[in-house]
Amino acid sequence: MLDDLIKEVCEANRTLVSSGLVIQTWGNVSGINRAEGLIAIKPSGVKYNELTEEDIVIVDLDGKIVQGNKRPSSDTATHIELYKAFPSIGGITHTHSTYATIFAQACREIPCFGTTHADHFNGPVPLTRFLTKEEIELDYERNTGTVIIERFRELNPDETPGVLVAGHAPFTWGRNAGDSLNNAEILERIAFMAYGSFQLNGKIKELPSYISQKHFNRKHGPNAYYGQKLNKEN
């Protein structure tokens, strides 16, 4: 199972470039094996086109390296805090994708203006507060996770699979590493469309809740009907 996790995490990290979400080494993807309490994550500073499965670092939930000969991503402590706080998630993606980062730097949530947004996020894409000077000095990366968790005290991470860290950039998550990457792509496209909508209409209103709820629930609600049902015999 760990070999499968390493393969998936490596592939997801390499896909960050072709997805248009990163340049240089501006991002990372991780995945977790809940049964063993082990996280696979990109090594720090390694270029995506040079990344191999042997480079992926395995750490435990205390951040201790248990496999690999490279330093894990500098954002590892943030990933760990999110895995601890959100037990249903299996993968995390962090990028500095252009439009989502524009909203994070502008310290603005991404309102739900249309059904594309509503299909994937149940409400606005939330924004954290700034970290304090003390939080930065004490443990910057761990406390980045802390402010995300704080923002989700009244939000469901399964219904809102991403966040904007004020002045920083987005984090997304999902059922596994690949799913978290999909949500990063969706978030960036939502941010792009919201930015464009603001340009065309500075007084744009959010989508009425009865429309947004319909779209979210038809994909994710208890009586969801979007897509195909699997044949239980297959």
Protein backbone atom coordinates (compact mmCIF):
# COMPACT_ATOMS: atom_id res chain seq x y z
CA MET A 1 0.00 0.00 0.00
CA LEU A 2 2.87 2.39 0.76
CA ASP A 3 4.36 1.80 -2.69
CA ASP A 4 1.03 2.72 -4.26
CA LEU A 5 0.89 5.89 -2.17
CA ILE A 6 4.40 6.89 -3.21
CA LYS A 7 3.56 6.34 -6.87
CA GLU A 8 0.36 8.40 -6.62
CA VAL A 9 2.06 11.27 -4.78
CA CYS A 10 4.96 11.35 -7.23
CA GLU A 11 2.61 11.43 -10.22
CA ALA A 12 0.47 14.16 -8.66
CA ASN A 13 3.51 16.34 -7.98
CA ARG A 14 4.79 15.91 -11.52
CA THR A 15 1.34 16.85 -12.83
CA LEU A 16 1.47 20.21 -11.05
CA VAL A 17 3.49 21.65 -13.94
CA SER A 18 1.38 20.28 -16.82
CA SER A 19 -1.76 21.47 -15.00
CA GLY A 20 -0.44 25.02 -15.11
CA LEU A 21 -0.65 25.40 -11.34
CA VAL A 22 3.05 25.98 -10.62
CA ILE A 23 6.33 27.25 -11.97
CA GLN A 24 9.79 26.62 -10.53
CA THR A 25 9.14 24.56 -7.36
CA TRP A 26 6.16 26.57 -6.12
CA GLY A 27 4.02 23.77 -4.77
CA ASN A 28 3.73 20.31 -3.29
CA VAL A 29 1.34 17.38 -2.98
CA SER A 30 1.12 14.82 -0.21
CA GLY A 31 -0.93 11.75 0.59
CA ILE A 32 -1.50 9.79 3.77
CA ASN A 33 -1.78 6.12 4.66
CA ARG A 34 -4.17 6.38 7.60
CA ALA A 35 -3.72 2.78 8.69
CA GLU A 36 0.00 3.26 9.21
CA GLY A 37 -0.07 6.95 10.06
CA LEU A 38 2.47 7.73 7.33
CA ILE A 39 2.57 10.65 4.91
CA ALA A 40 4.25 10.69 1.50
CA ILE A 41 5.32 14.17 0.37
CA LYS A 42 7.50 15.93 -2.19
CA PRO A 43 11.08 16.66 -1.14
CA SER A 44 11.99 20.32 -0.69
CA GLY A 45 13.30 22.20 -3.71
CA VAL A 46 13.44 19.27 -6.13
CA LYS A 47 12.35 20.18 -9.68
CA TYR A 48 9.21 18.40 -10.83
CA ASN A 49 10.72 17.11 -14.07
CA GLU A 50 13.52 15.49 -12.08
CA LEU A 51 11.27 13.98 -9.43
CA THR A 52 11.25 10.18 -9.08
CA GLU A 53 9.43 7.82 -6.76
CA GLU A 54 12.72 7.29 -4.91
CA ASP A 55 12.77 11.00 -4.07
CA ILE A 56 9.40 10.97 -2.27
CA VAL A 57 9.85 11.33 1.48
CA ILE A 58 7.83 9.38 4.05
CA VAL A 59 7.20 11.02 7.41
CA ASP A 60 5.08 10.09 10.40
CA LEU A 61 2.50 12.31 12.08
CA ASP A 62 5.24 13.77 14.29
CA GLY A 63 7.19 14.85 11.23
CA LYS A 64 9.93 12.26 11.69
CA ILE A 65 11.42 10.93 8.45
CA VAL A 66 10.92 7.17 8.25
CA GLN A 67 11.90 6.67 4.62
CA GLY A 68 13.86 8.71 2.10
CA ASN A 69 17.22 10.46 1.93
CA LYS A 70 16.02 14.00 1.19
CA ARG A 71 14.45 16.73 3.30
CA PRO A 72 10.66 16.80 2.98
CA SER A 73 8.79 19.87 1.75
CA SER A 74 9.13 22.93 3.96
CA ASP A 75 5.33 22.86 4.18
CA THR A 76 5.26 19.38 5.74
CA ALA A 77 4.21 20.63 9.17
CA THR A 78 1.20 22.38 7.62
CA HIS A 79 0.15 19.16 5.89
CA ILE A 80 0.52 17.22 9.14
CA GLU A 81 -1.70 19.63 11.09
CA LEU A 82 -4.42 19.35 8.44
CA TYR A 83 -4.29 15.55 8.40
CA LYS A 84 -4.65 15.53 12.18
CA ALA A 85 -7.58 17.95 12.19
CA PHE A 86 -9.47 16.65 9.13
CA PRO A 87 -9.62 12.84 9.49
CA SER A 88 -11.63 12.32 6.29
CA ILE A 89 -8.99 13.72 3.92
CA GLY A 90 -6.37 11.58 2.21
CA GLY A 91 -4.38 14.09 0.18
CA ILE A 92 -3.30 17.74 0.23
CA THR A 93 -2.09 20.08 -2.53
CA HIS A 94 -0.42 23.44 -1.96
CA THR A 95 0.31 25.78 -4.87
CA HIS A 96 0.85 29.43 -5.65
CA SER A 97 -1.45 29.28 -8.65
CA THR A 98 -1.95 32.74 -10.12
CA TYR A 99 -5.58 33.68 -9.60
CA ALA A 100 -6.16 31.89 -6.31
CA THR A 101 -3.02 33.56 -4.99
CA ILE A 102 -4.26 36.95 -6.22
CA PHE A 103 -7.33 36.53 -3.98
CA ALA A 104 -5.14 35.36 -1.07
CA GLN A 105 -2.85 38.37 -1.46
CA ALA A 106 -5.82 40.72 -1.75
CA CYS A 107 -7.22 39.11 1.41
CA ARG A 108 -10.55 38.38 -0.25
CA GLU A 109 -12.66 35.27 -0.11
CA ILE A 110 -13.87 33.97 -3.46
CA PRO A 111 -17.65 34.50 -3.48
CA CYS A 112 -19.89 31.99 -5.19
CA PHE A 113 -20.92 33.86 -8.32
CA GLY A 114 -22.00 30.93 -10.46
CA THR A 115 -22.91 27.28 -10.73
CA THR A 116 -19.39 26.15 -11.65
CA HIS A 117 -18.26 27.27 -8.21
CA ALA A 118 -21.35 25.79 -6.54
CA ASP A 119 -20.70 22.40 -8.12
CA HIS A 120 -17.54 22.01 -6.05
CA PHE A 121 -17.56 24.38 -3.04
CA ASN A 122 -20.51 24.73 -0.69
CA GLY A 123 -20.23 28.48 -0.24
CA PRO A 124 -17.39 30.97 -0.68
CA VAL A 125 -13.79 29.79 -0.74
CA PRO A 126 -12.75 30.91 2.76
CA LEU A 127 -9.81 33.10 3.74
CA THR A 128 -7.72 32.76 6.89
CA ARG A 129 -6.45 35.61 9.01
CA PHE A 130 -2.81 36.68 8.90
CA LEU A 131 -0.48 34.80 11.19
CA THR A 132 0.82 36.87 14.09
CA LYS A 133 4.49 37.71 14.52
CA GLU A 134 4.62 35.33 17.47
CA GLU A 135 3.10 32.49 15.43
CA ILE A 136 5.63 33.06 12.66
CA GLU A 137 8.57 33.06 15.05
CA LEU A 138 7.35 30.09 17.09
CA ASP A 139 6.57 27.66 14.26
CA TYR A 140 5.59 29.23 10.94
CA GLU A 141 4.62 26.12 8.99
CA ARG A 142 2.75 24.38 11.81
CA ASN A 143 0.87 27.57 12.63
CA THR A 144 -0.10 27.98 8.98
CA GLY A 145 -2.02 24.76 9.55
CA THR A 146 -3.38 26.15 12.81
CA VAL A 147 -4.93 29.23 11.18
CA ILE A 148 -6.53 27.06 8.50
CA ILE A 149 -8.03 24.79 11.14
CA GLU A 150 -9.20 27.84 13.08
CA ARG A 151 -11.00 29.12 9.98
CA PHE A 152 -12.80 25.77 9.65
CA ARG A 153 -14.29 25.71 13.14
CA GLU A 154 -17.73 26.18 11.62
CA LEU A 155 -17.03 24.80 8.14
CA ASN A 156 -17.06 21.25 6.82
CA PRO A 157 -13.75 20.42 5.05
CA ASP A 158 -15.56 17.78 3.00
CA GLU A 159 -17.90 20.42 1.56
CA THR A 160 -15.26 23.13 1.26
CA PRO A 161 -12.13 21.35 -0.02
CA GLY A 162 -9.80 24.32 0.01
CA VAL A 163 -8.77 27.59 1.62
CA LEU A 164 -6.83 30.78 0.92
CA VAL A 165 -4.14 31.63 3.46
CA ALA A 166 -4.04 35.41 3.79
CA GLY A 167 -1.06 36.93 2.03
CA HIS A 168 0.15 33.49 1.04
CA ALA A 169 -1.62 31.08 -1.30
CA PRO A 170 -4.18 28.23 -1.52
CA PHE A 171 -4.27 24.78 0.04
CA THR A 172 -6.72 22.15 -1.19
CA TRP A 173 -7.46 18.61 -0.07
CA GLY A 174 -9.44 15.56 -1.11
CA ARG A 175 -9.96 11.82 -0.76
CA ASN A 176 -6.41 11.17 -1.95
CA ALA A 177 -3.47 13.00 -3.51
CA GLY A 178 -4.99 12.99 -6.99
CA ASP A 179 -8.32 14.29 -5.72
CA SER A 180 -6.61 17.13 -3.87
CA LEU A 181 -4.84 18.06 -7.12
CA ASN A 182 -8.18 18.07 -8.96
CA ASN A 183 -9.55 20.44 -6.34
CA ALA A 184 -6.52 22.71 -6.78
CA GLU A 185 -7.25 22.89 -10.52
CA ILE A 186 -10.92 23.61 -9.81
CA LEU A 187 -10.07 26.30 -7.27
CA GLU A 188 -7.74 28.06 -9.71
CA ARG A 189 -10.40 28.06 -12.44
CA ILE A 190 -13.04 29.33 -9.98
CA ALA A 191 -10.67 32.13 -8.94
CA PHE A 192 -9.99 33.02 -12.59
CA MET A 193 -13.70 33.26 -13.39
CA ALA A 194 -14.46 35.26 -10.24
CA TYR A 195 -11.65 37.70 -11.05
CA GLY A 196 -13.03 38.18 -14.55
CA SER A 197 -16.56 38.59 -13.24
CA PHE A 198 -15.39 41.36 -10.92
CA GLN A 199 -13.80 43.14 -13.90
CA LEU A 200 -17.02 43.05 -15.92
CA ASN A 201 -19.32 43.94 -13.06
CA GLY A 202 -17.92 45.51 -9.92
CA LYS A 203 -21.33 45.24 -8.27
CA ILE A 204 -21.86 41.57 -9.08
CA LYS A 205 -24.07 39.67 -6.63
CA GLU A 206 -23.50 36.19 -5.28
CA LEU A 207 -25.51 33.35 -6.75
CA PRO A 208 -28.84 32.93 -4.91
CA SER A 209 -28.52 30.21 -2.28
CA TYR A 210 -31.37 28.13 -3.71
CA ILE A 211 -29.38 27.78 -6.96
CA SER A 212 -26.01 27.18 -5.32
CA GLN A 213 -27.45 24.56 -2.96
CA LYS A 214 -29.15 22.78 -5.83
CA HIS A 215 -25.91 22.50 -7.74
CA PHE A 216 -23.82 21.41 -4.76
CA ASN A 217 -26.34 18.84 -3.57
CA ARG A 218 -26.97 17.27 -6.98
CA LYS A 219 -23.29 16.29 -6.96
CA HIS A 220 -22.55 15.84 -3.27
CA GLY A 221 -25.83 15.68 -1.35
CA PRO A 222 -27.50 12.55 0.10
CA ASN A 223 -29.67 12.24 -3.01
CA ALA A 224 -26.98 13.20 -5.53
CA TYR A 225 -27.84 12.25 -9.08
CA TYR A 226 -24.99 13.71 -11.15
CA GLY A 227 -22.89 11.14 -13.01
CA GLN A 228 -23.31 7.40 -13.38
CA LYS A 229 -24.10 4.87 -10.68
CA LEU A 230 -21.75 1.92 -10.51
CA ASN A 231 -23.19 -1.55 -11.07
CA LYS A 232 -22.77 -3.35 -7.76
CA GLU A 233 -22.03 -6.56 -9.65
CA ASN A 234 -18.98 -4.98 -11.36
